[in-house]
Amino acid sequence: DDLLQALRRLRHRGHEVIVFHVLEGETERRFQFPNAPMLFRDAE
């Protein structure tokens, strides 16, 4: 919600905005990992 509000504030100040949402499609968008138990780690 804070991020969306920040984007709105940029527009409110008169700036034009483009958001490029970058993901690795095979695993991050479609979750195509091998069908076996896997250990996942949050990078952040």
All heavy atoms as atom14 arrays in JSON, in Angstrom:
{
  "sequence": "DDLLQALRRLRHRGHEVIVFHVLEGETERRFQFPNAPMLFRDAE",
  "atom14_mask": [
    [1, 1, 1, 1, 1, 1, 1, 1, 0, 0, 0, 0, 0, 0],
    [1, 1, 1, 1, 1, 1, 1, 1, 0, 0, 0, 0, 0, 0],
    [1, 1, 1, 1, 1, 1, 1, 1, 0, 0, 0, 0, 0, 0],
    [1, 1, 1, 1, 1, 1, 1, 1, 0, 0, 0, 0, 0, 0],
    [1, 1, 1, 1, 1, 1, 1, 1, 1, 0, 0, 0, 0, 0],
    [1, 1, 1, 1, 1, 0, 0, 0, 0, 0, 0, 0, 0, 0],
    [1, 1, 1, 1, 1, 1, 1, 1, 0, 0, 0, 0, 0, 0],
    [1, 1, 1, 1, 1, 1, 1, 1, 1, 1, 1, 0, 0, 0],
    [1, 1, 1, 1, 1, 1, 1, 1, 1, 1, 1, 0, 0, 0],
    [1, 1, 1, 1, 1, 1, 1, 1, 0, 0, 0, 0, 0, 0],
    [1, 1, 1, 1, 1, 1, 1, 1, 1, 1, 1, 0, 0, 0],
    [1, 1, 1, 1, 1, 1, 1, 1, 1, 1, 0, 0, 0, 0],
    [1, 1, 1, 1, 1, 1, 1, 1, 1, 1, 1, 0, 0, 0],
    [1, 1, 1, 1, 0, 0, 0, 0, 0, 0, 0, 0, 0, 0],
    [1, 1, 1, 1, 1, 1, 1, 1, 1, 1, 0, 0, 0, 0],
    [1, 1, 1, 1, 1, 1, 1, 1, 1, 0, 0, 0, 0, 0],
    [1, 1, 1, 1, 1, 1, 1, 0, 0, 0, 0, 0, 0, 0],
    [1, 1, 1, 1, 1, 1, 1, 1, 0, 0, 0, 0, 0, 0],
    [1, 1, 1, 1, 1, 1, 1, 0, 0, 0, 0, 0, 0, 0],
    [1, 1, 1, 1, 1, 1, 1, 1, 1, 1, 1, 0, 0, 0],
    [1, 1, 1, 1, 1, 1, 1, 1, 1, 1, 0, 0, 0, 0],
    [1, 1, 1, 1, 1, 1, 1, 0, 0, 0, 0, 0, 0, 0],
    [1, 1, 1, 1, 1, 1, 1, 1, 0, 0, 0, 0, 0, 0],
    [1, 1, 1, 1, 1, 1, 1, 1, 1, 0, 0, 0, 0, 0],
    [1, 1, 1, 1, 0, 0, 0, 0, 0, 0, 0, 0, 0, 0],
    [1, 1, 1, 1, 1, 1, 1, 1, 1, 0, 0, 0, 0, 0],
    [1, 1, 1, 1, 1, 1, 1, 0, 0, 0, 0, 0, 0, 0],
    [1, 1, 1, 1, 1, 1, 1, 1, 1, 0, 0, 0, 0, 0],
    [1, 1, 1, 1, 1, 1, 1, 1, 1, 1, 1, 0, 0, 0],
    [1, 1, 1, 1, 1, 1, 1, 1, 1, 1, 1, 0, 0, 0],
    [1, 1, 1, 1, 1, 1, 1, 1, 1, 1, 1, 0, 0, 0],
    [1, 1, 1, 1, 1, 1, 1, 1, 1, 0, 0, 0, 0, 0],
    [1, 1, 1, 1, 1, 1, 1, 1, 1, 1, 1, 0, 0, 0],
    [1, 1, 1, 1, 1, 1, 1, 0, 0, 0, 0, 0, 0, 0],
    [1, 1, 1, 1, 1, 1, 1, 1, 0, 0, 0, 0, 0, 0],
    [1, 1, 1, 1, 1, 0, 0, 0, 0, 0, 0, 0, 0, 0],
    [1, 1, 1, 1, 1, 1, 1, 0, 0, 0, 0, 0, 0, 0],
    [1, 1, 1, 1, 1, 1, 1, 1, 0, 0, 0, 0, 0, 0],
    [1, 1, 1, 1, 1, 1, 1, 1, 0, 0, 0, 0, 0, 0],
    [1, 1, 1, 1, 1, 1, 1, 1, 1, 1, 1, 0, 0, 0],
    [1, 1, 1, 1, 1, 1, 1, 1, 1, 1, 1, 0, 0, 0],
    [1, 1, 1, 1, 1, 1, 1, 1, 0, 0, 0, 0, 0, 0],
    [1, 1, 1, 1, 1, 0, 0, 0, 0, 0, 0, 0, 0, 0],
    [1, 1, 1, 1, 1, 1, 1, 1, 1, 0, 0, 0, 0, 0]
  ],
  "atom14_positions": [
    [[0.83, -1.2, 0.0], [0.0, 0.0, 0.0], [0.86, 1.25, 0.0], [0.55, 2.24, -0.68], [-0.93, 0.01, 1.21], [-2.07, -1.01, 1.09], [-2.37, -1.4, -0.05], [-2.64, -1.39, 2.12], [0.0, 0.0, 0.0], [0.0, 0.0, 0.0], [0.0, 0.0, 0.0], [0.0, 0.0, 0.0], [0.0, 0.0, 0.0], [0.0, 0.0, 0.0]],
    [[1.95, 1.23, 0.77], [2.87, 2.37, 0.81], [3.5, 2.61, -0.56], [3.68, 3.76, -0.98], [3.96, 2.14, 1.85], [3.42, 2.12, 3.27], [2.33, 2.67, 3.5], [4.09, 1.53, 4.14], [0.0, 0.0, 0.0], [0.0, 0.0, 0.0], [0.0, 0.0, 0.0], [0.0, 0.0, 0.0], [0.0, 0.0, 0.0], [0.0, 0.0, 0.0]],
    [[3.85, 1.52, -1.25], [4.47, 1.65, -2.56], [3.48, 2.25, -3.57], [3.83, 3.15, -4.34], [4.96, 0.29, -3.05], [5.57, 0.23, -4.45], [6.67, 1.26, -4.62], [6.1, -1.17, -4.74], [0.0, 0.0, 0.0], [0.0, 0.0, 0.0], [0.0, 0.0, 0.0], [0.0, 0.0, 0.0], [0.0, 0.0, 0.0], [0.0, 0.0, 0.0]],
    [[2.25, 1.76, -3.56], [1.25, 2.32, -4.46], [1.0, 3.79, -4.15], [0.83, 4.62, -5.06], [-0.05, 1.53, -4.36], [-0.01, 0.13, -4.98], [-1.26, -0.66, -4.61], [0.13, 0.22, -6.49], [0.0, 0.0, 0.0], [0.0, 0.0, 0.0], [0.0, 0.0, 0.0], [0.0, 0.0, 0.0], [0.0, 0.0, 0.0], [0.0, 0.0, 0.0]],
    [[0.98, 4.13, -2.86], [0.79, 5.53, -2.48], [1.95, 6.4, -2.94], [1.76, 7.54, -3.37], [0.61, 5.63, -0.96], [0.2, 7.0, -0.47], [-1.14, 7.45, -1.02], [-2.03, 6.63, -1.25], [-1.29, 8.74, -1.24], [0.0, 0.0, 0.0], [0.0, 0.0, 0.0], [0.0, 0.0, 0.0], [0.0, 0.0, 0.0], [0.0, 0.0, 0.0]],
    [[3.16, 5.86, -2.88], [4.34, 6.61, -3.34], [4.27, 6.87, -4.84], [4.62, 7.96, -5.32], [5.61, 5.84, -2.99], [0.0, 0.0, 0.0], [0.0, 0.0, 0.0], [0.0, 0.0, 0.0], [0.0, 0.0, 0.0], [0.0, 0.0, 0.0], [0.0, 0.0, 0.0], [0.0, 0.0, 0.0], [0.0, 0.0, 0.0], [0.0, 0.0, 0.0]],
    [[3.78, 5.88, -5.6], [3.6, 6.07, -7.05], [2.55, 7.15, -7.32], [2.72, 7.99, -8.21], [3.19, 4.75, -7.7], [4.28, 3.67, -7.77], [3.68, 2.33, -8.18], [5.39, 4.06, -8.74], [0.0, 0.0, 0.0], [0.0, 0.0, 0.0], [0.0, 0.0, 0.0], [0.0, 0.0, 0.0], [0.0, 0.0, 0.0], [0.0, 0.0, 0.0]],
    [[1.49, 7.14, -6.55], [0.45, 8.16, -6.7], [1.0, 9.56, -6.4], [0.64, 10.53, -7.08], [-0.74, 7.86, -5.8], [-1.48, 6.57, -6.14], [-2.72, 6.41, -5.28], [-3.29, 5.07, -5.42], [-3.23, 4.13, -4.49], [-2.65, 4.38, -3.32], [-3.76, 2.94, -4.7], [0.0, 0.0, 0.0], [0.0, 0.0, 0.0], [0.0, 0.0, 0.0]],
    [[1.86, 9.64, -5.38], [2.42, 10.95, -5.05], [3.31, 11.48, -6.16], [3.34, 12.69, -6.42], [3.2, 10.86, -3.73], [2.32, 10.95, -2.49], [3.14, 11.16, -1.23], [3.85, 9.95, -0.83], [3.34, 9.04, -0.01], [2.12, 9.17, 0.48], [4.05, 7.97, 0.33], [0.0, 0.0, 0.0], [0.0, 0.0, 0.0], [0.0, 0.0, 0.0]],
    [[4.04, 10.59, -6.82], [4.83, 11.03, -7.98], [3.93, 11.63, -9.05], [4.25, 12.68, -9.64], [5.62, 9.85, -8.56], [6.96, 9.5, -7.91], [7.49, 8.2, -8.48], [7.98, 10.62, -8.11], [0.0, 0.0, 0.0], [0.0, 0.0, 0.0], [0.0, 0.0, 0.0], [0.0, 0.0, 0.0], [0.0, 0.0, 0.0], [0.0, 0.0, 0.0]],
    [[2.82, 10.97, -9.32], [1.89, 11.49, -10.32], [1.26, 12.81, -9.86], [1.08, 13.74, -10.65], [0.78, 10.47, -10.6], [1.23, 9.29, -11.42], [1.56, 9.68, -12.86], [0.38, 10.12, -13.59], [0.3, 11.25, -14.28], [1.33, 12.08, -14.34], [-0.81, 11.56, -14.93], [0.0, 0.0, 0.0], [0.0, 0.0, 0.0], [0.0, 0.0, 0.0]],
    [[0.94, 12.88, -8.57], [0.33, 14.1, -8.03], [1.26, 15.3, -8.19], [0.8, 16.44, -8.36], [-0.02, 13.9, -6.55], [-0.66, 15.09, -5.91], [-1.96, 15.49, -6.22], [-0.2, 16.0, -4.99], [-2.27, 16.57, -5.52], [-1.22, 16.9, -4.78], [0.0, 0.0, 0.0], [0.0, 0.0, 0.0], [0.0, 0.0, 0.0], [0.0, 0.0, 0.0]],
    [[2.56, 15.05, -8.15], [3.54, 16.12, -8.33], [3.77, 16.44, -9.81], [4.62, 17.27, -10.14], [4.86, 15.74, -7.67], [4.81, 15.8, -6.14], [6.08, 15.26, -5.53], [6.07, 15.4, -4.08], [6.71, 16.37, -3.42], [7.39, 17.28, -4.09], [6.65, 16.44, -2.11], [0.0, 0.0, 0.0], [0.0, 0.0, 0.0], [0.0, 0.0, 0.0]],
    [[3.05, 15.78, -10.69], [3.11, 16.1, -12.11], [4.08, 15.28, -12.92], [4.25, 15.52, -14.13], [0.0, 0.0, 0.0], [0.0, 0.0, 0.0], [0.0, 0.0, 0.0], [0.0, 0.0, 0.0], [0.0, 0.0, 0.0], [0.0, 0.0, 0.0], [0.0, 0.0, 0.0], [0.0, 0.0, 0.0], [0.0, 0.0, 0.0], [0.0, 0.0, 0.0]],
    [[4.72, 14.27, -12.31], [5.67, 13.44, -13.05], [4.94, 12.34, -13.82], [3.95, 11.79, -13.35], [6.67, 12.8, -12.08], [7.43, 13.79, -11.26], [8.25, 14.75, -11.81], [7.49, 13.98, -9.91], [8.78, 15.49, -10.85], [8.34, 15.05, -9.69], [0.0, 0.0, 0.0], [0.0, 0.0, 0.0], [0.0, 0.0, 0.0], [0.0, 0.0, 0.0]],
    [[5.45, 12.03, -15.0], [4.99, 10.87, -15.75], [5.75, 9.65, -15.24], [6.95, 9.74, -14.95], [5.23, 11.05, -17.25], [4.51, 12.25, -17.84], [3.0, 12.11, -17.79], [2.51, 10.96, -17.75], [2.3, 13.15, -17.8], [0.0, 0.0, 0.0], [0.0, 0.0, 0.0], [0.0, 0.0, 0.0], [0.0, 0.0, 0.0], [0.0, 0.0, 0.0]],
    [[5.07, 8.51, -15.13], [5.69, 7.35, -14.5], [5.48, 6.1, -15.34], [4.39, 5.84, -15.85], [5.11, 7.11, -13.08], [5.81, 5.92, -12.41], [5.23, 8.36, -12.22], [0.0, 0.0, 0.0], [0.0, 0.0, 0.0], [0.0, 0.0, 0.0], [0.0, 0.0, 0.0], [0.0, 0.0, 0.0], [0.0, 0.0, 0.0], [0.0, 0.0, 0.0]],
    [[6.55, 5.32, -15.49], [6.49, 3.97, -16.07], [7.08, 3.01, -15.03], [8.15, 3.28, -14.47], [7.31, 3.86, -17.36], [6.82, 4.83, -18.43], [7.25, 2.43, -17.91], [7.68, 4.84, -19.7], [0.0, 0.0, 0.0], [0.0, 0.0, 0.0], [0.0, 0.0, 0.0], [0.0, 0.0, 0.0], [0.0, 0.0, 0.0], [0.0, 0.0, 0.0]],
    [[6.37, 1.91, -14.77], [6.88, 0.88, -13.87], [7.2, -0.36, -14.7], [6.32, -0.92, -15.36], [5.86, 0.51, -12.78], [6.39, -0.64, -11.92], [5.53, 1.73, -11.92], [0.0, 0.0, 0.0], [0.0, 0.0, 0.0], [0.0, 0.0, 0.0], [0.0, 0.0, 0.0], [0.0, 0.0, 0.0], [0.0, 0.0, 0.0], [0.0, 0.0, 0.0]],
    [[8.46, -0.77, -14.69], [8.87, -2.02, -15.32], [9.02, -3.06, -14.22], [9.96, -2.99, -13.4], [10.17, -1.86, -16.09], [10.02, -1.08, -17.38], [10.8, 0.03, -17.62], [9.1, -1.47, -18.33], [10.66, 0.75, -18.8], [8.95, -0.76, -19.52], [9.73, 0.35, -19.76], [0.0, 0.0, 0.0], [0.0, 0.0, 0.0], [0.0, 0.0, 0.0]],
    [[8.11, -4.02, -14.18], [8.11, -5.07, -13.17], [8.92, -6.24, -13.71], [8.46, -6.97, -14.6], [6.67, -5.49, -12.87], [6.56, -6.51, -11.77], [5.51, -7.39, -11.67], [7.39, -6.79, -10.73], [5.68, -8.16, -10.61], [6.81, -7.82, -10.03], [0.0, 0.0, 0.0], [0.0, 0.0, 0.0], [0.0, 0.0, 0.0], [0.0, 0.0, 0.0]],
    [[10.12, -6.44, -13.18], [11.07, -7.42, -13.71], [11.05, -8.69, -12.86], [11.3, -8.65, -11.66], [12.51, -6.83, -13.73], [13.48, -7.85, -14.31], [12.54, -5.54, -14.53], [0.0, 0.0, 0.0], [0.0, 0.0, 0.0], [0.0, 0.0, 0.0], [0.0, 0.0, 0.0], [0.0, 0.0, 0.0], [0.0, 0.0, 0.0], [0.0, 0.0, 0.0]],
    [[10.74, -9.81, -13.5], [10.79, -11.11, -12.85], [11.42, -12.13, -13.78], [11.43, -11.94, -15.0], [9.38, -11.6, -12.48], [8.61, -10.86, -11.39], [7.23, -11.49, -11.21], [9.36, -10.85, -10.07], [0.0, 0.0, 0.0], [0.0, 0.0, 0.0], [0.0, 0.0, 0.0], [0.0, 0.0, 0.0], [0.0, 0.0, 0.0], [0.0, 0.0, 0.0]],
    [[11.94, -13.21, -13.21], [12.37, -14.36, -14.02], [11.13, -15.24, -14.18], [10.64, -15.83, -13.22], [13.5, -15.11, -13.31], [14.21, -16.14, -14.18], [13.42, -17.43, -14.3], [13.05, -18.0, -13.27], [13.17, -17.87, -15.45], [0.0, 0.0, 0.0], [0.0, 0.0, 0.0], [0.0, 0.0, 0.0], [0.0, 0.0, 0.0], [0.0, 0.0, 0.0]],
    [[10.6, -15.3, -15.38], [9.27, -15.85, -15.59], [9.09, -17.31, -15.25], [8.06, -17.7, -14.7], [0.0, 0.0, 0.0], [0.0, 0.0, 0.0], [0.0, 0.0, 0.0], [0.0, 0.0, 0.0], [0.0, 0.0, 0.0], [0.0, 0.0, 0.0], [0.0, 0.0, 0.0], [0.0, 0.0, 0.0], [0.0, 0.0, 0.0], [0.0, 0.0, 0.0]],
    [[10.07, -18.15, -15.55], [9.9, -19.58, -15.39], [9.7, -19.97, -13.93], [8.8, -20.75, -13.6], [11.11, -20.31, -15.97], [10.96, -21.82, -16.04], [9.94, -22.29, -17.06], [9.44, -21.43, -17.84], [9.62, -23.49, -17.07], [0.0, 0.0, 0.0], [0.0, 0.0, 0.0], [0.0, 0.0, 0.0], [0.0, 0.0, 0.0], [0.0, 0.0, 0.0]],
    [[10.51, -19.42, -13.03], [10.43, -19.81, -11.63], [9.68, -18.81, -10.77], [8.88, -19.19, -9.92], [11.84, -20.03, -11.05], [12.61, -18.83, -11.2], [12.54, -21.17, -11.76], [0.0, 0.0, 0.0], [0.0, 0.0, 0.0], [0.0, 0.0, 0.0], [0.0, 0.0, 0.0], [0.0, 0.0, 0.0], [0.0, 0.0, 0.0], [0.0, 0.0, 0.0]],
    [[9.92, -17.51, -10.97], [9.28, -16.52, -10.11], [7.82, -16.28, -10.45], [7.01, -16.02, -9.56], [10.04, -15.19, -10.17], [11.36, -15.22, -9.43], [11.97, -13.85, -9.3], [12.06, -13.14, -10.33], [12.37, -13.48, -8.18], [0.0, 0.0, 0.0], [0.0, 0.0, 0.0], [0.0, 0.0, 0.0], [0.0, 0.0, 0.0], [0.0, 0.0, 0.0]],
    [[7.49, -16.36, -11.73], [6.09, -16.11, -12.1], [5.29, -17.41, -12.19], [4.12, -17.44, -11.81], [6.04, -15.35, -13.44], [4.68, -14.74, -13.73], [4.7, -13.89, -14.98], [5.53, -12.7, -14.85], [5.16, -11.59, -14.22], [3.99, -11.51, -13.65], [5.99, -10.56, -14.14], [0.0, 0.0, 0.0], [0.0, 0.0, 0.0], [0.0, 0.0, 0.0]],
    [[5.92, -18.47, -12.71], [5.18, -19.73, -12.91], [5.55, -20.82, -11.91], [4.93, -21.89, -11.89], [5.41, -20.22, -14.35], [4.8, -19.29, -15.39], [5.02, -19.78, -16.8], [6.41, -19.62, -17.24], [6.91, -18.49, -17.73], [6.15, -17.41, -17.84], [8.18, -18.43, -18.12], [0.0, 0.0, 0.0], [0.0, 0.0, 0.0], [0.0, 0.0, 0.0]],
    [[6.58, -20.61, -11.08], [7.0, -21.53, -10.02], [7.33, -22.92, -10.57], [6.98, -23.95, -9.99], [5.92, -21.62, -8.95], [6.46, -21.87, -7.57], [7.35, -20.99, -6.98], [6.09, -22.99, -6.85], [7.86, -21.21, -5.7], [6.58, -23.23, -5.57], [7.47, -22.33, -5.0], [0.0, 0.0, 0.0], [0.0, 0.0, 0.0], [0.0, 0.0, 0.0]],
    [[8.02, -22.95, -11.7], [8.37, -24.21, -12.35], [9.7, -24.73, -11.8], [10.75, -24.62, -12.43], [8.44, -24.02, -13.87], [7.11, -23.67, -14.51], [6.1, -24.8, -14.38], [6.46, -25.97, -14.28], [4.81, -24.45, -14.36], [0.0, 0.0, 0.0], [0.0, 0.0, 0.0], [0.0, 0.0, 0.0], [0.0, 0.0, 0.0], [0.0, 0.0, 0.0]],
    [[9.63, -25.29, -10.61], [10.79, -25.95, -9.99], [10.6, -27.46, -10.08], [9.48, -27.95, -10.26], [10.91, -25.53, -8.53], [11.34, -24.1, -8.33], [10.39, -23.12, -8.04], [12.67, -23.74, -8.43], [10.78, -21.8, -7.85], [13.07, -22.42, -8.23], [12.12, -21.45, -7.94], [0.0, 0.0, 0.0], [0.0, 0.0, 0.0], [0.0, 0.0, 0.0]],
    [[11.69, -28.23, -9.93], [11.56, -29.7, -9.93], [10.6, -30.17, -8.83], [10.49, -29.56, -7.77], [12.99, -30.17, -9.64], [13.86, -29.05, -10.1], [13.1, -27.8, -9.83], [0.0, 0.0, 0.0], [0.0, 0.0, 0.0], [0.0, 0.0, 0.0], [0.0, 0.0, 0.0], [0.0, 0.0, 0.0], [0.0, 0.0, 0.0], [0.0, 0.0, 0.0]],
    [[9.9, -31.27, -9.12], [8.93, -31.81, -8.17], [9.61, -32.66, -7.11], [9.5, -33.89, -7.07], [7.86, -32.61, -8.91], [6.99, -31.72, -9.78], [6.71, -30.59, -9.41], [6.59, -32.23, -10.93], [0.0, 0.0, 0.0], [0.0, 0.0, 0.0], [0.0, 0.0, 0.0], [0.0, 0.0, 0.0], [0.0, 0.0, 0.0], [0.0, 0.0, 0.0]],
    [[10.35, -31.98, -6.26], [11.07, -32.63, -5.16], [11.21, -31.6, -4.05], [11.18, -30.39, -4.3], [12.45, -33.1, -5.63], [0.0, 0.0, 0.0], [0.0, 0.0, 0.0], [0.0, 0.0, 0.0], [0.0, 0.0, 0.0], [0.0, 0.0, 0.0], [0.0, 0.0, 0.0], [0.0, 0.0, 0.0], [0.0, 0.0, 0.0], [0.0, 0.0, 0.0]],
    [[11.32, -32.06, -2.8], [11.48, -31.11, -1.7], [12.68, -30.19, -1.93], [13.76, -30.65, -2.3], [11.7, -32.01, -0.48], [11.04, -33.29, -0.86], [11.28, -33.46, -2.32], [0.0, 0.0, 0.0], [0.0, 0.0, 0.0], [0.0, 0.0, 0.0], [0.0, 0.0, 0.0], [0.0, 0.0, 0.0], [0.0, 0.0, 0.0], [0.0, 0.0, 0.0]],
    [[12.47, -28.88, -1.75], [13.52, -27.9, -2.01], [13.57, -26.9, -0.86], [12.55, -26.59, -0.24], [13.26, -27.17, -3.33], [13.26, -28.07, -4.56], [13.11, -27.12, -6.09], [14.71, -26.29, -6.13], [0.0, 0.0, 0.0], [0.0, 0.0, 0.0], [0.0, 0.0, 0.0], [0.0, 0.0, 0.0], [0.0, 0.0, 0.0], [0.0, 0.0, 0.0]],
    [[14.77, -26.38, -0.63], [14.97, -25.35, 0.38], [14.95, -23.98, -0.3], [15.73, -23.72, -1.2], [16.31, -25.55, 1.1], [16.67, -24.5, 2.15], [15.7, -24.58, 3.34], [18.11, -24.67, 2.63], [0.0, 0.0, 0.0], [0.0, 0.0, 0.0], [0.0, 0.0, 0.0], [0.0, 0.0, 0.0], [0.0, 0.0, 0.0], [0.0, 0.0, 0.0]],
    [[14.04, -23.12, 0.15], [13.93, -21.77, -0.4], [14.39, -20.77, 0.66], [14.08, -20.91, 1.85], [12.48, -21.47, -0.8], [12.02, -22.24, -2.0], [11.55, -23.54, -1.85], [12.07, -21.69, -3.26], [11.14, -24.28, -2.95], [11.65, -22.41, -4.37], [11.18, -23.71, -4.22], [0.0, 0.0, 0.0], [0.0, 0.0, 0.0], [0.0, 0.0, 0.0]],
    [[15.11, -19.76, 0.19], [15.62, -18.73, 1.09], [15.2, -17.36, 0.6], [15.37, -17.03, -0.58], [17.15, -18.79, 1.17], [17.79, -17.72, 2.03], [19.31, -17.86, 2.06], [19.94, -16.79, 2.8], [20.29, -15.62, 2.26], [20.08, -15.39, 0.97], [20.86, -14.68, 3.02], [0.0, 0.0, 0.0], [0.0, 0.0, 0.0], [0.0, 0.0, 0.0]],
    [[14.63, -16.55, 1.47], [14.24, -15.19, 1.15], [15.5, -14.33, 1.05], [16.26, -14.2, 2.01], [13.32, -14.64, 2.25], [12.72, -13.29, 1.88], [13.46, -12.43, 1.37], [11.51, -13.11, 2.1], [0.0, 0.0, 0.0], [0.0, 0.0, 0.0], [0.0, 0.0, 0.0], [0.0, 0.0, 0.0], [0.0, 0.0, 0.0], [0.0, 0.0, 0.0]],
    [[15.73, -13.76, -0.14], [16.96, -13.0, -0.38], [17.03, -11.74, 0.47], [18.12, -11.21, 0.72], [17.06, -12.62, -1.86], [0.0, 0.0, 0.0], [0.0, 0.0, 0.0], [0.0, 0.0, 0.0], [0.0, 0.0, 0.0], [0.0, 0.0, 0.0], [0.0, 0.0, 0.0], [0.0, 0.0, 0.0], [0.0, 0.0, 0.0], [0.0, 0.0, 0.0]],
    [[15.88, -11.24, 0.92], [15.87, -9.98, 1.66], [15.9, -10.18, 3.16], [16.49, -9.4, 3.89], [14.62, -9.17, 1.26], [14.47, -8.99, -0.24], [14.65, -7.55, -0.68], [14.37, -6.66, 0.12], [15.07, -7.33, -1.83], [0.0, 0.0, 0.0], [0.0, 0.0, 0.0], [0.0, 0.0, 0.0], [0.0, 0.0, 0.0], [0.0, 0.0, 0.0]]
  ]
}
